[in-house]
């Protein structure tokens, strides 16, 4: 069963062209893959903290040696990486802010 990871980032929600385009793609993908799974990841709704020295320290600590604080710091990034690794296909919706890609993406 194929998995599609749908990543979008526009803060405009219903008025977003990138959300409309990726939404149309997902609808068509679902009709072509009736047994498939779609994982939605809204980067605008998911607060992603900045990388800190503590995060880097946790990332370079072997998993079995991580402290509870390091595990907590890495929980979101572990989830995001697992979504990327488990998906077979991807669709990215990157909003445009003035003349470049939004910083959320």
PDB file of N, CA and C in Angstrom:
ATOM      1  N   UNK A   1       0.841  -1.168   0.000  1.00  0.00           N
ATOM      2  CA  UNK A   1       0.000   0.000   0.000  1.00  0.00           C
ATOM      3  C   UNK A   1       0.895   1.243   0.000  1.00  0.00           C
ATOM      4  N   UNK A   2       0.776   2.111  -1.017  1.00  0.00           N
ATOM      5  CA  UNK A   2       1.632   3.291  -1.110  1.00  0.00           C
ATOM      6  C   UNK A   2       1.218   4.385  -0.126  1.00  0.00           C
ATOM      7  N   UNK A   3       2.204   5.180   0.248  1.00  0.00           N
ATOM      8  CA  UNK A   3       1.964   6.301   1.158  1.00  0.00           C
ATOM      9  C   UNK A   3       2.449   7.586   0.506  1.00  0.00           C
ATOM     10  N   UNK A   4       1.596   8.599   0.536  1.00  0.00           N
ATOM     11  CA  UNK A   4       1.924   9.930   0.025  1.00  0.00           C
ATOM     12  C   UNK A   4       2.076  10.872   1.207  1.00  0.00           C
ATOM     13  N   UNK A   5       3.192  11.576   1.266  1.00  0.00           N
ATOM     14  CA  UNK A   5       3.392  12.609   2.287  1.00  0.00           C
ATOM     15  C   UNK A   5       3.070  13.950   1.661  1.00  0.00           C
ATOM     16  N   UNK A   6       2.057  14.609   2.190  1.00  0.00           N
ATOM     17  CA  UNK A   6       1.581  15.904   1.694  1.00  0.00           C
ATOM     18  C   UNK A   6       2.061  16.976   2.667  1.00  0.00           C
ATOM     19  N   UNK A   7       3.035  17.771   2.233  1.00  0.00           N
ATOM     20  CA  UNK A   7       3.606  18.828   3.074  1.00  0.00           C
ATOM     21  C   UNK A   7       3.196  20.177   2.500  1.00  0.00           C
ATOM     22  N   UNK A   8       2.616  21.010   3.339  1.00  0.00           N
ATOM     23  CA  UNK A   8       2.230  22.338   2.888  1.00  0.00           C
ATOM     24  C   UNK A   8       2.541  23.358   3.965  1.00  0.00           C
ATOM     25  N   UNK A   9       2.651  24.632   3.555  1.00  0.00           N
ATOM     26  CA  UNK A   9       3.160  25.612   4.505  1.00  0.00           C
ATOM     27  C   UNK A   9       2.495  26.976   4.451  1.00  0.00           C
ATOM     28  N   UNK A  10       1.554  27.192   3.575  1.00  0.00           N
ATOM     29  CA  UNK A  10       0.968  28.527   3.448  1.00  0.00           C
ATOM     30  C   UNK A  10       0.144  28.911   4.671  1.00  0.00           C
ATOM     31  N   UNK A  11       0.323  30.131   5.166  1.00  0.00           N
ATOM     32  CA  UNK A  11      -0.490  30.606   6.285  1.00  0.00           C
ATOM     33  C   UNK A  11      -1.868  31.109   5.840  1.00  0.00           C
ATOM     34  N   UNK A  12      -2.145  31.083   4.546  1.00  0.00           N
ATOM     35  CA  UNK A  12      -3.400  31.632   4.037  1.00  0.00           C
ATOM     36  C   UNK A  12      -4.556  30.635   4.033  1.00  0.00           C
ATOM     37  N   UNK A  13      -4.276  29.386   4.302  1.00  0.00           N
ATOM     38  CA  UNK A  13      -5.289  28.333   4.369  1.00  0.00           C
ATOM     39  C   UNK A  13      -6.229  28.392   3.173  1.00  0.00           C
ATOM     40  N   UNK A  14      -7.507  28.720   3.351  1.00  0.00           N
ATOM     41  CA  UNK A  14      -8.504  28.663   2.280  1.00  0.00           C
ATOM     42  C   UNK A  14      -8.229  29.572   1.098  1.00  0.00           C
ATOM     43  N   UNK A  15      -7.427  30.600   1.285  1.00  0.00           N
ATOM     44  CA  UNK A  15      -7.106  31.519   0.179  1.00  0.00           C
ATOM     45  C   UNK A  15      -5.789  31.157  -0.495  1.00  0.00           C
ATOM     46  N   UNK A  16      -5.169  30.071  -0.088  1.00  0.00           N
ATOM     47  CA  UNK A  16      -3.845  29.701  -0.582  1.00  0.00           C
ATOM     48  C   UNK A  16      -3.919  28.945  -1.904  1.00  0.00           C
ATOM     49  N   UNK A  17      -3.210  29.445  -2.903  1.00  0.00           N
ATOM     50  CA  UNK A  17      -3.148  28.757  -4.188  1.00  0.00           C
ATOM     51  C   UNK A  17      -2.335  27.473  -4.064  1.00  0.00           C
ATOM     52  N   UNK A  18      -1.237  27.500  -3.304  1.00  0.00           N
ATOM     53  CA  UNK A  18      -0.419  26.282  -3.173  1.00  0.00           C
ATOM     54  C   UNK A  18      -1.199  25.181  -2.458  1.00  0.00           C
ATOM     55  N   UNK A  19      -2.028  25.530  -1.484  1.00  0.00           N
ATOM     56  CA  UNK A  19      -2.858  24.526  -0.809  1.00  0.00           C
ATOM     57  C   UNK A  19      -3.915  23.966  -1.759  1.00  0.00           C
ATOM     58  N   UNK A  20      -4.478  24.829  -2.613  1.00  0.00           N
ATOM     59  CA  UNK A  20      -5.457  24.363  -3.591  1.00  0.00           C
ATOM     60  C   UNK A  20      -4.806  23.398  -4.589  1.00  0.00           C
ATOM     61  N   UNK A  21      -3.616  23.747  -5.061  1.00  0.00           N
ATOM     62  CA  UNK A  21      -2.927  22.900  -6.040  1.00  0.00           C
ATOM     63  C   UNK A  21      -2.524  21.556  -5.447  1.00  0.00           C
ATOM     64  N   UNK A  22      -1.933  21.572  -4.256  1.00  0.00           N
ATOM     65  CA  UNK A  22      -1.541  20.284  -3.661  1.00  0.00           C
ATOM     66  C   UNK A  22      -2.769  19.483  -3.248  1.00  0.00           C
ATOM     67  N   UNK A  23      -3.828  20.170  -2.838  1.00  0.00           N
ATOM     68  CA  UNK A  23      -5.072  19.475  -2.508  1.00  0.00           C
ATOM     69  C   UNK A  23      -5.652  18.763  -3.721  1.00  0.00           C
ATOM     70  N   UNK A  24      -5.610  19.425  -4.885  1.00  0.00           N
ATOM     71  CA  UNK A  24      -6.083  18.796  -6.123  1.00  0.00           C
ATOM     72  C   UNK A  24      -5.217  17.593  -6.476  1.00  0.00           C
ATOM     73  N   UNK A  25      -3.904  17.722  -6.279  1.00  0.00           N
ATOM     74  CA  UNK A  25      -3.009  16.597  -6.544  1.00  0.00           C
ATOM     75  C   UNK A  25      -3.347  15.421  -5.637  1.00  0.00           C
ATOM     76  N   UNK A  26      -3.557  15.707  -4.353  1.00  0.00           N
ATOM     77  CA  UNK A  26      -3.875  14.647  -3.390  1.00  0.00           C
ATOM     78  C   UNK A  26      -5.186  13.959  -3.771  1.00  0.00           C
ATOM     79  N   UNK A  27      -6.191  14.723  -4.169  1.00  0.00           N
ATOM     80  CA  UNK A  27      -7.469  14.143  -4.587  1.00  0.00           C
ATOM     81  C   UNK A  27      -7.278  13.192  -5.764  1.00  0.00           C
ATOM     82  N   UNK A  28      -6.504  13.627  -6.746  1.00  0.00           N
ATOM     83  CA  UNK A  28      -6.253  12.770  -7.908  1.00  0.00           C
ATOM     84  C   UNK A  28      -5.418  11.547  -7.518  1.00  0.00           C
ATOM     85  N   UNK A  29      -4.427  11.740  -6.648  1.00  0.00           N
ATOM     86  CA  UNK A  29      -3.587  10.629  -6.199  1.00  0.00           C
ATOM     87  C   UNK A  29      -4.434   9.579  -5.486  1.00  0.00           C
ATOM     88  N   UNK A  30      -5.364  10.042  -4.632  1.00  0.00           N
ATOM     89  CA  UNK A  30      -6.241   9.110  -3.906  1.00  0.00           C
ATOM     90  C   UNK A  30      -7.091   8.291  -4.869  1.00  0.00           C
ATOM     91  N   UNK A  31      -7.568   8.931  -5.942  1.00  0.00           N
ATOM     92  CA  UNK A  31      -8.394   8.179  -6.890  1.00  0.00           C
ATOM     93  C   UNK A  31      -7.567   7.164  -7.659  1.00  0.00           C
ATOM     94  N   UNK A  32      -6.292   7.444  -7.844  1.00  0.00           N
ATOM     95  CA  UNK A  32      -5.397   6.502  -8.528  1.00  0.00           C
ATOM     96  C   UNK A  32      -4.839   5.442  -7.587  1.00  0.00           C
ATOM     97  N   UNK A  33      -4.884   5.702  -6.287  1.00  0.00           N
ATOM     98  CA  UNK A  33      -4.348   4.786  -5.270  1.00  0.00           C
ATOM     99  C   UNK A  33      -5.403   4.577  -4.181  1.00  0.00           C
ATOM    100  N   UNK A  34      -6.508   3.880  -4.502  1.00  0.00           N
ATOM    101  CA  UNK A  34      -7.603   3.755  -3.532  1.00  0.00           C
ATOM    102  C   UNK A  34      -7.204   3.082  -2.225  1.00  0.00           C
ATOM    103  N   UNK A  35      -6.150   2.285  -2.223  1.00  0.00           N
ATOM    104  CA  UNK A  35      -5.685   1.643  -0.990  1.00  0.00           C
ATOM    105  C   UNK A  35      -4.527   2.398  -0.347  1.00  0.00           C
ATOM    106  N   UNK A  36      -4.196   3.547  -0.914  1.00  0.00           N
ATOM    107  CA  UNK A  36      -3.063   4.319  -0.409  1.00  0.00           C
ATOM    108  C   UNK A  36      -3.394   5.106   0.843  1.00  0.00           C
ATOM    109  N   UNK A  37      -2.354   5.594   1.473  1.00  0.00           N
ATOM    110  CA  UNK A  37      -2.470   6.397   2.685  1.00  0.00           C
ATOM    111  C   UNK A  37      -1.865   7.765   2.413  1.00  0.00           C
ATOM    112  N   UNK A  38      -2.535   8.803   2.872  1.00  0.00           N
ATOM    113  CA  UNK A  38      -2.010  10.168   2.763  1.00  0.00           C
ATOM    114  C   UNK A  38      -1.693  10.669   4.163  1.00  0.00           C
ATOM    115  N   UNK A  39      -0.473  11.124   4.347  1.00  0.00           N
ATOM    116  CA  UNK A  39      -0.056  11.748   5.603  1.00  0.00           C
ATOM    117  C   UNK A  39       0.051  13.245   5.323  1.00  0.00           C
ATOM    118  N   UNK A  40      -0.738  14.050   6.034  1.00  0.00           N
ATOM    119  CA  UNK A  40      -0.713  15.502   5.869  1.00  0.00           C
ATOM    120  C   UNK A  40       0.181  16.126   6.930  1.00  0.00           C
ATOM    121  N   UNK A  41       1.063  17.012   6.495  1.00  0.00           N
ATOM    122  CA  UNK A  41       1.927  17.727   7.435  1.00  0.00           C
ATOM    123  C   UNK A  41       1.847  19.218   7.101  1.00  0.00           C
ATOM    124  N   UNK A  42       1.205  19.974   7.967  1.00  0.00           N
ATOM    125  CA  UNK A  42       1.056  21.416   7.793  1.00  0.00           C
ATOM    126  C   UNK A  42       2.175  22.105   8.571  1.00  0.00           C
ATOM    127  N   UNK A  43       3.151  22.616   7.861  1.00  0.00           N
ATOM    128  CA  UNK A  43       4.292  23.259   8.522  1.00  0.00           C
ATOM    129  C   UNK A  43       3.912  24.578   9.180  1.00  0.00           C
ATOM    130  N   UNK A  44       2.810  25.170   8.753  1.00  0.00           N
ATOM    131  CA  UNK A  44       2.355  26.397   9.389  1.00  0.00           C
ATOM    132  C   UNK A  44       1.690  26.106  10.731  1.00  0.00           C
ATOM    133  N   UNK A  45       1.054  24.959  10.853  1.00  0.00           N
ATOM    134  CA  UNK A  45       0.356  24.594  12.094  1.00  0.00           C
ATOM    135  C   UNK A  45       1.245  23.817  13.068  1.00  0.00           C
ATOM    136  N   UNK A  46       2.410  23.401  12.601  1.00  0.00           N
ATOM    137  CA  UNK A  46       3.334  22.639  13.443  1.00  0.00           C
ATOM    138  C   UNK A  46       4.458  23.558  13.893  1.00  0.00           C
ATOM    139  N   UNK A  47       4.472  23.986  15.149  1.00  0.00           N
ATOM    140  CA  UNK A  47       5.559  24.849  15.598  1.00  0.00           C
ATOM    141  C   UNK A  47       6.887  24.075  15.614  1.00  0.00           C
ATOM    142  N   UNK A  48       7.815  24.500  14.794  1.00  0.00           N
ATOM    143  CA  UNK A  48       9.115  23.836  14.711  1.00  0.00           C
ATOM    144  C   UNK A  48      10.139  24.741  15.386  1.00  0.00           C
ATOM    145  N   UNK A  49      10.644  24.307  16.536  1.00  0.00           N
ATOM    146  CA  UNK A  49      11.598  25.153  17.257  1.00  0.00           C
ATOM    147  C   UNK A  49      12.940  25.228  16.525  1.00  0.00           C
ATOM    148  N   UNK A  50      13.701  26.273  16.789  1.00  0.00           N
ATOM    149  CA  UNK A  50      15.017  26.379  16.157  1.00  0.00           C
ATOM    150  C   UNK A  50      15.969  25.310  16.692  1.00  0.00           C
ATOM    151  N   UNK A  51      16.941  24.987  15.882  1.00  0.00           N
ATOM    152  CA  UNK A  51      17.977  24.034  16.314  1.00  0.00           C
ATOM    153  C   UNK A  51      18.860  24.740  17.337  1.00  0.00           C
ATOM    154  N   UNK A  52      19.063  24.067  18.464  1.00  0.00           N
ATOM    155  CA  UNK A  52      19.885  24.625  19.541  1.00  0.00           C
ATOM    156  C   UNK A  52      21.079  23.701  19.786  1.00  0.00           C
ATOM    157  N   UNK A  53      21.993  24.174  20.612  1.00  0.00           N
ATOM    158  CA  UNK A  53      23.144  23.341  20.978  1.00  0.00           C
ATOM    159  C   UNK A  53      22.679  22.072  21.687  1.00  0.00           C
ATOM    160  N   UNK A  54      21.628  22.187  22.495  1.00  0.00           N
ATOM    161  CA  UNK A  54      21.104  21.018  23.204  1.00  0.00           C
ATOM    162  C   UNK A  54      20.526  19.997  22.223  1.00  0.00           C
ATOM    163  N   UNK A  55      19.832  20.498  21.180  1.00  0.00           N
ATOM    164  CA  UNK A  55      19.270  19.605  20.168  1.00  0.00           C
ATOM    165  C   UNK A  55      20.397  18.873  19.437  1.00  0.00           C
ATOM    166  N   UNK A  56      21.428  19.622  19.034  1.00  0.00           N
ATOM    167  CA  UNK A  56      22.565  19.013  18.330  1.00  0.00           C
ATOM    168  C   UNK A  56      23.230  17.965  19.224  1.00  0.00           C
ATOM    169  N   UNK A  57      23.405  18.293  20.491  1.00  0.00           N
ATOM    170  CA  UNK A  57      23.991  17.331  21.419  1.00  0.00           C
ATOM    171  C   UNK A  57      23.169  16.060  21.504  1.00  0.00           C
ATOM    172  N   UNK A  58      21.856  16.197  21.551  1.00  0.00           N
ATOM    173  CA  UNK A  58      20.990  15.028  21.589  1.00  0.00           C
ATOM    174  C   UNK A  58      21.044  14.220  20.300  1.00  0.00           C
ATOM    175  N   UNK A  59      21.103  14.929  19.179  1.00  0.00           N
ATOM    176  CA  UNK A  59      21.155  14.248  17.883  1.00  0.00           C
ATOM    177  C   UNK A  59      22.435  13.427  17.727  1.00  0.00           C
ATOM    178  N   UNK A  60      23.519  13.887  18.344  1.00  0.00           N
ATOM    179  CA  UNK A  60      24.797  13.174  18.234  1.00  0.00           C
ATOM    180  C   UNK A  60      25.039  12.200  19.392  1.00  0.00           C
ATOM    181  N   UNK A  61      24.073  12.082  20.282  1.00  0.00           N
ATOM    182  CA  UNK A  61      24.176  11.114  21.376  1.00  0.00           C
ATOM    183  C   UNK A  61      23.524   9.815  20.915  1.00  0.00           C
ATOM    184  N   UNK A  62      24.166   8.679  21.106  1.00  0.00           N
ATOM    185  CA  UNK A  62      23.528   7.413  20.729  1.00  0.00           C
ATOM    186  C   UNK A  62      22.147   7.301  21.383  1.00  0.00           C
ATOM    187  N   UNK A  63      21.191   6.765  20.647  1.00  0.00           N
ATOM    188  CA  UNK A  63      19.805   6.728  21.109  1.00  0.00           C
ATOM    189  C   UNK A  63      19.656   6.118  22.499  1.00  0.00           C
ATOM    190  N   UNK A  64      20.377   5.038  22.757  1.00  0.00           N
ATOM    191  CA  UNK A  64      20.246   4.357  24.049  1.00  0.00           C
ATOM    192  C   UNK A  64      20.858   5.168  25.203  1.00  0.00           C
ATOM    193  N   UNK A  65      21.667   6.177  24.902  1.00  0.00           N
ATOM    194  CA  UNK A  65      22.311   6.977  25.943  1.00  0.00           C
ATOM    195  C   UNK A  65      21.642   8.345  26.138  1.00  0.00           C
ATOM    196  N   UNK A  66      20.588   8.630  25.401  1.00  0.00           N
ATOM    197  CA  UNK A  66      19.939   9.939  25.502  1.00  0.00           C
ATOM    198  C   UNK A  66      19.193  10.090  26.821  1.00  0.00           C
ATOM    199  N   UNK A  67      19.254  11.309  27.334  1.00  0.00           N
ATOM    200  CA  UNK A  67      18.512  11.642  28.549  1.00  0.00           C
ATOM    201  C   UNK A  67      17.037  11.870  28.177  1.00  0.00           C
ATOM    202  N   UNK A  68      16.139  11.861  29.159  1.00  0.00           N
ATOM    203  CA  UNK A  68      14.730  12.173  28.864  1.00  0.00           C
ATOM    204  C   UNK A  68      14.573  13.546  28.197  1.00  0.00           C
ATOM    205  N   UNK A  69      15.379  14.535  28.612  1.00  0.00           N
ATOM    206  CA  UNK A  69      15.309  15.872  28.001  1.00  0.00           C
ATOM    207  C   UNK A  69      15.729  15.818  26.535  1.00  0.00           C
ATOM    208  N   UNK A  70      16.797  15.071  26.221  1.00  0.00           N
ATOM    209  CA  UNK A  70      17.233  14.952  24.837  1.00  0.00           C
ATOM    210  C   UNK A  70      16.175  14.253  23.989  1.00  0.00           C
ATOM    211  N   UNK A  71      15.551  13.218  24.542  1.00  0.00           N
ATOM    212  CA  UNK A  71      14.490  12.518  23.813  1.00  0.00           C
ATOM    213  C   UNK A  71      13.329  13.457  23.517  1.00  0.00           C
ATOM    214  N   UNK A  72      12.989  14.286  24.488  1.00  0.00           N
ATOM    215  CA  UNK A  72      11.910  15.254  24.289  1.00  0.00           C
ATOM    216  C   UNK A  72      12.281  16.282  23.223  1.00  0.00           C
ATOM    217  N   UNK A  73      13.520  16.769  23.263  1.00  0.00           N
ATOM    218  CA  UNK A  73      13.977  17.747  22.266  1.00  0.00           C
ATOM    219  C   UNK A  73      13.945  17.176  20.848  1.00  0.00           C
ATOM    220  N   UNK A  74      14.201  15.884  20.714  1.00  0.00           N
ATOM    221  CA  UNK A  74      14.275  15.252  19.397  1.00  0.00           C
ATOM    222  C   UNK A  74      12.957  14.636  18.933  1.00  0.00           C
ATOM    223  N   UNK A  75      11.938  14.644  19.771  1.00  0.00           N
ATOM    224  CA  UNK A  75      10.683  13.949  19.449  1.00  0.00           C
ATOM    225  C   UNK A  75      10.061  14.442  18.143  1.00  0.00           C
ATOM    226  N   UNK A  76       9.950  15.749  17.966  1.00  0.00           N
ATOM    227  CA  UNK A  76       9.324  16.267  16.743  1.00  0.00           C
ATOM    228  C   UNK A  76      10.166  15.945  15.519  1.00  0.00           C
ATOM    229  N   UNK A  77      11.468  16.173  15.591  1.00  0.00           N
ATOM    230  CA  UNK A  77      12.310  15.888  14.419  1.00  0.00           C
ATOM    231  C   UNK A  77      12.298  14.394  14.095  1.00  0.00           C
ATOM    232  N   UNK A  78      12.231  13.541  15.125  1.00  0.00           N
ATOM    233  CA  UNK A  78      12.128  12.097  14.879  1.00  0.00           C
ATOM    234  C   UNK A  78      10.826  11.771  14.148  1.00  0.00           C
ATOM    235  N   UNK A  79       9.736  12.425  14.549  1.00  0.00           N
ATOM    236  CA  UNK A  79       8.441  12.213  13.896  1.00  0.00           C
ATOM    237  C   UNK A  79       8.494  12.665  12.440  1.00  0.00           C
ATOM    238  N   UNK A  80       9.058  13.850  12.205  1.00  0.00           N
ATOM    239  CA  UNK A  80       9.140  14.379  10.839  1.00  0.00           C
ATOM    240  C   UNK A  80      10.005  13.498   9.949  1.00  0.00           C
ATOM    241  N   UNK A  81      11.134  13.040  10.474  1.00  0.00           N
ATOM    242  CA  UNK A  81      11.998  12.149   9.698  1.00  0.00           C
ATOM    243  C   UNK A  81      11.312  10.822   9.403  1.00  0.00           C
ATOM    244  N   UNK A  82      10.584  10.299  10.367  1.00  0.00           N
ATOM    245  CA  UNK A  82       9.859   9.038  10.148  1.00  0.00           C
ATOM    246  C   UNK A  82       8.820   9.200   9.045  1.00  0.00           C
ATOM    247  N   UNK A  83       8.137  10.338   9.006  1.00  0.00           N
ATOM    248  CA  UNK A  83       7.166  10.586   7.937  1.00  0.00           C
ATOM    249  C   UNK A  83       7.852  10.583   6.577  1.00  0.00           C
ATOM    250  N   UNK A  84       9.001  11.214   6.485  1.00  0.00           N
ATOM    251  CA  UNK A  84       9.752  11.236   5.217  1.00  0.00           C
ATOM    252  C   UNK A  84      10.205   9.836   4.817  1.00  0.00           C
ATOM    253  N   UNK A  85      10.719   9.089   5.774  1.00  0.00           N
ATOM    254  CA  UNK A  85      11.250   7.759   5.485  1.00  0.00           C
ATOM    255  C   UNK A  85      10.158   6.766   5.119  1.00  0.00           C
ATOM    256  N   UNK A  86       8.978   6.905   5.706  1.00  0.00           N
ATOM    257  CA  UNK A  86       7.908   5.936   5.482  1.00  0.00           C
ATOM    258  C   UNK A  86       7.101   6.219   4.216  1.00  0.00           C
ATOM    259  N   UNK A  87       7.196   7.418   3.684  1.00  0.00           N
ATOM    260  CA  UNK A  87       6.427   7.763   2.487  1.00  0.00           C
ATOM    261  C   UNK A  87       7.103   7.211   1.228  1.00  0.00           C
ATOM    262  N   UNK A  88       6.262   6.848   0.276  1.00  0.00           N
ATOM    263  CA  UNK A  88       6.749   6.392  -1.023  1.00  0.00           C
ATOM    264  C   UNK A  88       6.788   7.537  -2.027  1.00  0.00           C
ATOM    265  N   UNK A  89       5.884   8.490  -1.841  1.00  0.00           N
ATOM    266  CA  UNK A  89       5.789   9.635  -2.742  1.00  0.00           C
ATOM    267  C   UNK A  89       5.537  10.886  -1.908  1.00  0.00           C
ATOM    268  N   UNK A  90       5.840  12.047  -2.505  1.00  0.00           N
ATOM    269  CA  UNK A  90       5.739  13.312  -1.786  1.00  0.00           C
ATOM    270  C   UNK A  90       5.107  14.369  -2.678  1.00  0.00           C
ATOM    271  N   UNK A  91       4.367  15.290  -2.050  1.00  0.00           N
ATOM    272  CA  UNK A  91       3.930  16.509  -2.722  1.00  0.00           C
ATOM    273  C   UNK A  91       4.169  17.648  -1.737  1.00  0.00           C
ATOM    274  N   UNK A  92       4.879  18.677  -2.210  1.00  0.00           N
ATOM    275  CA  UNK A  92       5.248  19.814  -1.376  1.00  0.00           C
ATOM    276  C   UNK A  92       4.516  21.059  -1.871  1.00  0.00           C
ATOM    277  N   UNK A  93       3.857  21.743  -0.964  1.00  0.00           N
ATOM    278  CA  UNK A  93       3.227  23.016  -1.291  1.00  0.00           C
ATOM    279  C   UNK A  93       3.968  24.120  -0.576  1.00  0.00           C
ATOM    280  N   UNK A  94       4.770  24.852  -1.321  1.00  0.00           N
ATOM    281  CA  UNK A  94       5.559  25.943  -0.742  1.00  0.00           C
ATOM    282  C   UNK A  94       4.938  27.272  -1.143  1.00  0.00           C
ATOM    283  N   UNK A  95       4.547  28.045  -0.155  1.00  0.00           N
ATOM    284  CA  UNK A  95       3.949  29.345  -0.452  1.00  0.00           C
ATOM    285  C   UNK A  95       5.030  30.321  -0.903  1.00  0.00           C
ATOM    286  N   UNK A  96       4.581  31.331  -1.603  1.00  0.00           N
ATOM    287  CA  UNK A  96       5.488  32.390  -2.023  1.00  0.00           C
ATOM    288  C   UNK A  96       5.167  33.632  -1.215  1.00  0.00           C
ATOM    289  N   UNK A  97       6.156  34.167  -0.559  1.00  0.00           N
ATOM    290  CA  UNK A  97       5.997  35.396   0.202  1.00  0.00           C
ATOM    291  C   UNK A  97       6.794  36.489  -0.492  1.00  0.00           C
ATOM    292  N   UNK A  98       6.112  37.357  -1.135  1.00  0.00           N
ATOM    293  CA  UNK A  98       6.670  38.463  -1.907  1.00  0.00           C
ATOM    294  C   UNK A  98       7.514  37.895  -3.055  1.00  0.00           C
ATOM    295  N   UNK A  99       8.829  37.666  -2.862  1.00  0.00           N
ATOM    296  CA  UNK A  99       9.645  37.203  -3.979  1.00  0.00           C
ATOM    297  C   UNK A  99      10.436  35.925  -3.673  1.00  0.00           C
ATOM    298  N   UNK A 100      10.171  35.307  -2.536  1.00  0.00           N
ATOM    299  CA  UNK A 100      10.912  34.090  -2.215  1.00  0.00           C
ATOM    300  C   UNK A 100       9.986  33.095  -1.516  1.00  0.00           C
ATOM    301  N   UNK A 101      10.523  31.942  -1.170  1.00  0.00           N
ATOM    302  CA  UNK A 101       9.745  30.929  -0.451  1.00  0.00           C
ATOM    303  C   UNK A 101       9.619  31.348   1.003  1.00  0.00           C
ATOM    304  N   UNK A 102       8.437  31.118   1.581  1.00  0.00           N
ATOM    305  CA  UNK A 102       8.210  31.459   2.994  1.00  0.00           C
ATOM    306  C   UNK A 102       9.225  30.776   3.901  1.00  0.00           C
ATOM    307  N   UNK A 103       9.610  31.410   4.976  1.00  0.00           N
ATOM    308  CA  UNK A 103      10.600  30.810   5.880  1.00  0.00           C
ATOM    309  C   UNK A 103      10.123  29.538   6.550  1.00  0.00           C
ATOM    310  N   UNK A 104       8.830  29.276   6.629  1.00  0.00           N
ATOM    311  CA  UNK A 104       8.328  28.045   7.238  1.00  0.00           C
ATOM    312  C   UNK A 104       8.765  26.831   6.441  1.00  0.00           C
ATOM    313  N   UNK A 105       9.006  27.004   5.167  1.00  0.00           N
ATOM    314  CA  UNK A 105       9.381  25.880   4.330  1.00  0.00           C
ATOM    315  C   UNK A 105      10.875  25.758   4.331  1.00  0.00           C
TER     316      UNK A 105
END
